[in-house]
Every structure is written in structure tokens, then in C-alpha cells.
């Protein structure tokens, strides 16, 4: 770590209000498959903000600017990790169900349902898999557009068609489910 980065990090720890806001913002917006990287993303955001503070000569308090910087860093981070971890994390989610539930019957049922949904989604074209998994994790259409680089109409169409295919496949297996 260079001396410039160390100085920047010292300032960030004295700035707890902005740091707490950024941490909260990132935790609420970063997809689940990247949750282990929240600290890394926050640190990168804080370094960018502190460099901007130095350029301006004072602390930036404009939360619109802080939000835009945070979104930019998160999107860049998601682009770096998008293909390898989107499908891997869904597999991890199937196995993590056990740790969050108490009733063994519920755990088995949810595990089987997640495995079934995963197997159905894996039959979709790659673009539709990624788009649907991001959507199911709570990302908004505009965020998916920025992350994937596809246009808005294509993303909406992929989500609509993929949801329909998934629901039809579940219904054909006797499972009534709504997204």
C-alpha cells in the first residue's frame, strides 16, 4: 500500500458518516453473489471519493455525487465478476439454504425447488440466464442494462420471456409458482 493510499484511508476512517452511508448503500445494492466483496467495493469507493476531495480541496458532501461514484464503482466491479460468479453463486445458494432454516422439511423442499429452478435456467441461452438471475436477485432493469451492455428493450424482453419459460416449466412439473 502506497503512502498516498494510506493517507487517503486514514481520512476515510475519520469520516464515519460518509463511510457508513457508503457501506449501507453498497450492502443494499450489491447483488448477493458479490456480498463477500462489500468491503473491497466500499474501500475502492472511498479512495475515489478522497481523491476527488483532494482535487476539490475540501470534503465532498454532495450525496448525488457520492451515490453516482458508488454506482459507477459497483457496476465496474460487477462487470469484472459477472460471468464466472453468477451461475456459481446460484449453486452456492442451493447449499446455503440449510444454514438459514430451522425446519428440516422446509429446508429439503426449498433445496429441491432451487435445484429445479437452477436446472431449468441452465437450459436457457447464456444471455437470458444472466439477465434472469440478476433480475431474480433484485436488480433493477436499468442496472442490468448497465451491467450487461444490452439495450433496455432487450433486457425487458429477456426477463419477460425467461420468466414465462421458467413458470411454464415449473407448471409442467406440477409446481404453481409466480415471479
C-alpha atoms as a PDB file:
ATOM      1  CA  UNK A   1       0.000   0.000   0.000  1.00  0.00           C
ATOM      2  CA  UNK A   2       1.466   3.328  -1.044  1.00  0.00           C
ATOM      3  CA  UNK A   3       1.743   6.310   1.257  1.00  0.00           C
ATOM      4  CA  UNK A   4      -0.904   8.167  -0.772  1.00  0.00           C
ATOM      5  CA  UNK A   5      -3.375   5.328  -0.256  1.00  0.00           C
ATOM      6  CA  UNK A   6      -2.542   5.109   3.463  1.00  0.00           C
ATOM      7  CA  UNK A   7      -3.186   8.847   3.872  1.00  0.00           C
ATOM      8  CA  UNK A   8      -6.446   8.520   1.975  1.00  0.00           C
ATOM      9  CA  UNK A   9      -7.546   5.588   4.146  1.00  0.00           C
ATOM     10  CA  UNK A  10      -6.765   7.497   7.361  1.00  0.00           C
ATOM     11  CA  UNK A  11      -9.077  10.274   6.263  1.00  0.00           C
ATOM     12  CA  UNK A  12     -11.851   7.812   5.448  1.00  0.00           C
ATOM     13  CA  UNK A  13     -11.909   6.368   8.953  1.00  0.00           C
ATOM     14  CA  UNK A  14     -12.306   9.821  10.453  1.00  0.00           C
ATOM     15  CA  UNK A  15     -15.211  10.395   8.096  1.00  0.00           C
ATOM     16  CA  UNK A  16     -17.620   7.855   9.621  1.00  0.00           C
ATOM     17  CA  UNK A  17     -20.872   9.412   8.407  1.00  0.00           C
ATOM     18  CA  UNK A  18     -19.920   9.199   4.745  1.00  0.00           C
ATOM     19  CA  UNK A  19     -18.293   5.794   5.256  1.00  0.00           C
ATOM     20  CA  UNK A  20     -21.394   4.420   6.970  1.00  0.00           C
ATOM     21  CA  UNK A  21     -23.621   5.796   4.219  1.00  0.00           C
ATOM     22  CA  UNK A  22     -21.461   4.196   1.511  1.00  0.00           C
ATOM     23  CA  UNK A  23     -21.379   0.846   3.368  1.00  0.00           C
ATOM     24  CA  UNK A  24     -25.150   0.850   3.745  1.00  0.00           C
ATOM     25  CA  UNK A  25     -25.666   1.883   0.120  1.00  0.00           C
ATOM     26  CA  UNK A  26     -23.367  -0.869  -1.186  1.00  0.00           C
ATOM     27  CA  UNK A  27     -24.850  -3.571   1.054  1.00  0.00           C
ATOM     28  CA  UNK A  28     -28.348  -2.723  -0.172  1.00  0.00           C
ATOM     29  CA  UNK A  29     -27.439  -2.561  -3.847  1.00  0.00           C
ATOM     30  CA  UNK A  30     -24.696  -5.115  -4.492  1.00  0.00           C
ATOM     31  CA  UNK A  31     -26.063  -8.453  -5.745  1.00  0.00           C
ATOM     32  CA  UNK A  32     -25.949 -11.391  -3.342  1.00  0.00           C
ATOM     33  CA  UNK A  33     -23.313 -13.239  -5.343  1.00  0.00           C
ATOM     34  CA  UNK A  34     -20.855 -10.409  -4.621  1.00  0.00           C
ATOM     35  CA  UNK A  35     -21.746  -9.884  -0.957  1.00  0.00           C
ATOM     36  CA  UNK A  36     -18.336 -11.179   0.161  1.00  0.00           C
ATOM     37  CA  UNK A  37     -16.743  -8.236  -1.668  1.00  0.00           C
ATOM     38  CA  UNK A  38     -18.676  -5.422   0.055  1.00  0.00           C
ATOM     39  CA  UNK A  39     -15.595  -4.214   1.947  1.00  0.00           C
ATOM     40  CA  UNK A  40     -13.464  -4.210  -1.204  1.00  0.00           C
ATOM     41  CA  UNK A  41     -16.057  -2.220  -3.150  1.00  0.00           C
ATOM     42  CA  UNK A  42     -16.503   0.263  -0.285  1.00  0.00           C
ATOM     43  CA  UNK A  43     -12.770   0.779   0.009  1.00  0.00           C
ATOM     44  CA  UNK A  44     -12.495   1.474  -3.715  1.00  0.00           C
ATOM     45  CA  UNK A  45     -15.378   3.956  -3.486  1.00  0.00           C
ATOM     46  CA  UNK A  46     -13.825   5.743  -0.514  1.00  0.00           C
ATOM     47  CA  UNK A  47     -10.470   6.028  -2.284  1.00  0.00           C
ATOM     48  CA  UNK A  48     -12.173   7.598  -5.325  1.00  0.00           C
ATOM     49  CA  UNK A  49     -14.089   9.999  -3.087  1.00  0.00           C
ATOM     50  CA  UNK A  50     -10.990  11.017  -1.167  1.00  0.00           C
ATOM     51  CA  UNK A  51      -9.086  11.656  -4.396  1.00  0.00           C
ATOM     52  CA  UNK A  52     -11.986  13.838  -5.516  1.00  0.00           C
ATOM     53  CA  UNK A  53     -11.817  15.614  -2.128  1.00  0.00           C
ATOM     54  CA  UNK A  54      -8.132  16.342  -2.728  1.00  0.00           C
ATOM     55  CA  UNK A  55      -8.813  17.699  -6.220  1.00  0.00           C
ATOM     56  CA  UNK A  56     -11.559  19.960  -4.886  1.00  0.00           C
ATOM     57  CA  UNK A  57      -9.609  20.997  -1.815  1.00  0.00           C
ATOM     58  CA  UNK A  58     -12.425  20.159   0.605  1.00  0.00           C
ATOM     59  CA  UNK A  59     -14.666  17.264   1.563  1.00  0.00           C
ATOM     60  CA  UNK A  60     -17.423  16.490  -0.940  1.00  0.00           C
ATOM     61  CA  UNK A  61     -20.784  16.381   0.838  1.00  0.00           C
ATOM     62  CA  UNK A  62     -22.961  16.133  -2.279  1.00  0.00           C
ATOM     63  CA  UNK A  63     -24.692  12.779  -1.851  1.00  0.00           C
ATOM     64  CA  UNK A  64     -25.729  12.784  -5.516  1.00  0.00           C
ATOM     65  CA  UNK A  65     -22.045  12.737  -6.438  1.00  0.00           C
ATOM     66  CA  UNK A  66     -21.287  10.119  -3.774  1.00  0.00           C
ATOM     67  CA  UNK A  67     -24.164   7.947  -4.997  1.00  0.00           C
ATOM     68  CA  UNK A  68     -23.059   8.246  -8.642  1.00  0.00           C
ATOM     69  CA  UNK A  69     -19.471   7.373  -7.724  1.00  0.00           C
ATOM     70  CA  UNK A  70     -20.676   4.399  -5.678  1.00  0.00           C
ATOM     71  CA  UNK A  71     -22.882   3.109  -8.510  1.00  0.00           C
ATOM     72  CA  UNK A  72     -20.055   3.517 -11.006  1.00  0.00           C
ATOM     73  CA  UNK A  73     -17.618   1.526  -8.866  1.00  0.00           C
ATOM     74  CA  UNK A  74     -20.210  -1.189  -8.157  1.00  0.00           C
ATOM     75  CA  UNK A  75     -21.079  -1.575 -11.835  1.00  0.00           C
ATOM     76  CA  UNK A  76     -17.399  -1.807 -12.776  1.00  0.00           C
ATOM     77  CA  UNK A  77     -16.893  -4.426 -10.068  1.00  0.00           C
ATOM     78  CA  UNK A  78     -19.942  -6.425 -11.229  1.00  0.00           C
ATOM     79  CA  UNK A  79     -18.683  -6.342 -14.817  1.00  0.00           C
ATOM     80  CA  UNK A  80     -15.363  -7.810 -13.692  1.00  0.00           C
ATOM     81  CA  UNK A  81     -17.090 -10.668 -11.869  1.00  0.00           C
ATOM     82  CA  UNK A  82     -20.281 -11.174 -13.867  1.00  0.00           C
ATOM     83  CA  UNK A  83     -19.835 -14.334 -15.916  1.00  0.00           C
ATOM     84  CA  UNK A  84     -17.869 -16.555 -13.587  1.00  0.00           C
ATOM     85  CA  UNK A  85     -19.801 -15.997 -10.399  1.00  0.00           C
ATOM     86  CA  UNK A  86     -23.417 -15.506 -11.426  1.00  0.00           C
ATOM     87  CA  UNK A  87     -24.126 -19.180 -12.036  1.00  0.00           C
ATOM     88  CA  UNK A  88     -21.652 -20.393  -9.398  1.00  0.00           C
ATOM     89  CA  UNK A  89     -23.384 -18.334  -6.736  1.00  0.00           C
ATOM     90  CA  UNK A  90     -26.751 -19.839  -7.569  1.00  0.00           C
ATOM     91  CA  UNK A  91     -25.278 -23.277  -6.869  1.00  0.00           C
ATOM     92  CA  UNK A  92     -23.890 -21.951  -3.581  1.00  0.00           C
ATOM     93  CA  UNK A  93     -27.309 -20.536  -2.731  1.00  0.00           C
ATOM     94  CA  UNK A  94     -28.820 -24.013  -3.056  1.00  0.00           C
ATOM     95  CA  UNK A  95     -26.432 -25.362  -0.434  1.00  0.00           C
ATOM     96  CA  UNK A  96     -26.692 -22.318   1.858  1.00  0.00           C
ATOM     97  CA  UNK A  97     -30.427 -22.844   2.399  1.00  0.00           C
ATOM     98  CA  UNK A  98     -29.680 -25.324   5.202  1.00  0.00           C
ATOM     99  CA  UNK A  99     -27.938 -22.745   7.347  1.00  0.00           C
ATOM    100  CA  UNK A 100     -30.863 -20.305   7.263  1.00  0.00           C
ATOM    101  CA  UNK A 101     -33.816 -22.585   8.012  1.00  0.00           C
ATOM    102  CA  UNK A 102     -34.814 -24.490  11.102  1.00  0.00           C
ATOM    103  CA  UNK A 103     -37.453 -26.943   9.871  1.00  0.00           C
ATOM    104  CA  UNK A 104     -35.756 -29.851   8.006  1.00  0.00           C
ATOM    105  CA  UNK A 105     -38.798 -30.451   5.772  1.00  0.00           C
ATOM    106  CA  UNK A 106     -38.776 -26.816   4.672  1.00  0.00           C
ATOM    107  CA  UNK A 107     -35.038 -26.994   4.015  1.00  0.00           C
ATOM    108  CA  UNK A 108     -35.377 -30.073   1.810  1.00  0.00           C
ATOM    109  CA  UNK A 109     -38.323 -28.571  -0.063  1.00  0.00           C
ATOM    110  CA  UNK A 110     -36.511 -25.270  -0.713  1.00  0.00           C
ATOM    111  CA  UNK A 111     -33.319 -27.037  -1.728  1.00  0.00           C
ATOM    112  CA  UNK A 112     -35.167 -29.189  -4.245  1.00  0.00           C
ATOM    113  CA  UNK A 113     -37.051 -26.173  -5.588  1.00  0.00           C
ATOM    114  CA  UNK A 114     -33.828 -24.174  -6.010  1.00  0.00           C
ATOM    115  CA  UNK A 115     -32.145 -27.129  -7.722  1.00  0.00           C
ATOM    116  CA  UNK A 116     -35.109 -27.468 -10.077  1.00  0.00           C
ATOM    117  CA  UNK A 117     -35.154 -23.735 -10.866  1.00  0.00           C
ATOM    118  CA  UNK A 118     -31.390 -23.800 -11.419  1.00  0.00           C
ATOM    119  CA  UNK A 119     -31.605 -26.770 -13.788  1.00  0.00           C
ATOM    120  CA  UNK A 120     -34.369 -25.055 -15.779  1.00  0.00           C
ATOM    121  CA  UNK A 121     -32.490 -21.739 -16.002  1.00  0.00           C
ATOM    122  CA  UNK A 122     -29.348 -23.539 -17.204  1.00  0.00           C
ATOM    123  CA  UNK A 123     -31.278 -24.652 -20.304  1.00  0.00           C
ATOM    124  CA  UNK A 124     -31.808 -21.010 -21.341  1.00  0.00           C
ATOM    125  CA  UNK A 125     -29.406 -19.167 -23.653  1.00  0.00           C
ATOM    126  CA  UNK A 126     -26.470 -17.604 -21.751  1.00  0.00           C
ATOM    127  CA  UNK A 127     -27.715 -14.021 -22.168  1.00  0.00           C
ATOM    128  CA  UNK A 128     -31.151 -14.944 -20.780  1.00  0.00           C
ATOM    129  CA  UNK A 129     -29.593 -16.905 -17.886  1.00  0.00           C
ATOM    130  CA  UNK A 130     -27.541 -13.915 -16.770  1.00  0.00           C
ATOM    131  CA  UNK A 131     -30.377 -11.434 -17.208  1.00  0.00           C
ATOM    132  CA  UNK A 132     -32.915 -13.557 -15.309  1.00  0.00           C
ATOM    133  CA  UNK A 133     -30.543 -14.397 -12.454  1.00  0.00           C
ATOM    134  CA  UNK A 134     -29.699 -10.716 -11.974  1.00  0.00           C
ATOM    135  CA  UNK A 135     -33.395  -9.827 -12.049  1.00  0.00           C
ATOM    136  CA  UNK A 136     -34.285 -12.557  -9.552  1.00  0.00           C
ATOM    137  CA  UNK A 137     -31.594 -11.198  -7.220  1.00  0.00           C
ATOM    138  CA  UNK A 138     -33.426  -7.872  -7.131  1.00  0.00           C
ATOM    139  CA  UNK A 139     -31.508  -5.775  -9.626  1.00  0.00           C
ATOM    140  CA  UNK A 140     -33.494  -3.154 -11.477  1.00  0.00           C
ATOM    141  CA  UNK A 141     -33.758  -3.193 -15.257  1.00  0.00           C
ATOM    142  CA  UNK A 142     -31.575  -0.092 -15.652  1.00  0.00           C
ATOM    143  CA  UNK A 143     -28.845  -1.689 -13.518  1.00  0.00           C
ATOM    144  CA  UNK A 144     -28.991  -4.865 -15.619  1.00  0.00           C
ATOM    145  CA  UNK A 145     -28.757  -2.739 -18.780  1.00  0.00           C
ATOM    146  CA  UNK A 146     -25.612  -1.040 -17.471  1.00  0.00           C
ATOM    147  CA  UNK A 147     -24.089  -4.298 -16.289  1.00  0.00           C
ATOM    148  CA  UNK A 148     -24.752  -6.389 -19.392  1.00  0.00           C
ATOM    149  CA  UNK A 149     -24.390  -3.679 -22.021  1.00  0.00           C
ATOM    150  CA  UNK A 150     -27.635  -4.759 -23.713  1.00  0.00           C
ATOM    151  CA  UNK A 151     -30.312  -2.217 -24.561  1.00  0.00           C
ATOM    152  CA  UNK A 152     -33.309  -1.737 -22.286  1.00  0.00           C
ATOM    153  CA  UNK A 153     -35.842  -3.317 -24.633  1.00  0.00           C
ATOM    154  CA  UNK A 154     -33.679  -6.438 -24.997  1.00  0.00           C
ATOM    155  CA  UNK A 155     -33.277  -6.788 -21.227  1.00  0.00           C
ATOM    156  CA  UNK A 156     -37.015  -6.375 -20.619  1.00  0.00           C
ATOM    157  CA  UNK A 157     -37.776  -8.874 -23.367  1.00  0.00           C
ATOM    158  CA  UNK A 158     -35.257 -11.400 -21.993  1.00  0.00           C
ATOM    159  CA  UNK A 159     -36.706 -11.065 -18.490  1.00  0.00           C
ATOM    160  CA  UNK A 160     -40.295 -11.434 -19.695  1.00  0.00           C
ATOM    161  CA  UNK A 161     -39.587 -14.448 -21.921  1.00  0.00           C
ATOM    162  CA  UNK A 162     -37.302 -16.138 -19.383  1.00  0.00           C
ATOM    163  CA  UNK A 163     -39.859 -15.730 -16.582  1.00  0.00           C
ATOM    164  CA  UNK A 164     -42.558 -17.182 -18.816  1.00  0.00           C
ATOM    165  CA  UNK A 165     -40.356 -20.137 -19.786  1.00  0.00           C
ATOM    166  CA  UNK A 166     -39.431 -20.743 -16.148  1.00  0.00           C
ATOM    167  CA  UNK A 167     -43.044 -20.562 -14.948  1.00  0.00           C
ATOM    168  CA  UNK A 168     -44.236 -22.845 -17.747  1.00  0.00           C
ATOM    169  CA  UNK A 169     -41.511 -25.376 -16.960  1.00  0.00           C
ATOM    170  CA  UNK A 170     -42.408 -25.292 -13.245  1.00  0.00           C
ATOM    171  CA  UNK A 171     -46.129 -25.610 -14.052  1.00  0.00           C
ATOM    172  CA  UNK A 172     -45.387 -28.597 -16.306  1.00  0.00           C
ATOM    173  CA  UNK A 173     -43.712 -30.249 -13.322  1.00  0.00           C
ATOM    174  CA  UNK A 174     -46.783 -29.588 -11.165  1.00  0.00           C
ATOM    175  CA  UNK A 175     -45.418 -26.603  -9.257  1.00  0.00           C
ATOM    176  CA  UNK A 176     -47.581 -23.487  -9.217  1.00  0.00           C
ATOM    177  CA  UNK A 177     -45.245 -20.550  -8.715  1.00  0.00           C
ATOM    178  CA  UNK A 178     -45.325 -16.837  -9.501  1.00  0.00           C
ATOM    179  CA  UNK A 179     -42.427 -14.429 -10.005  1.00  0.00           C
END
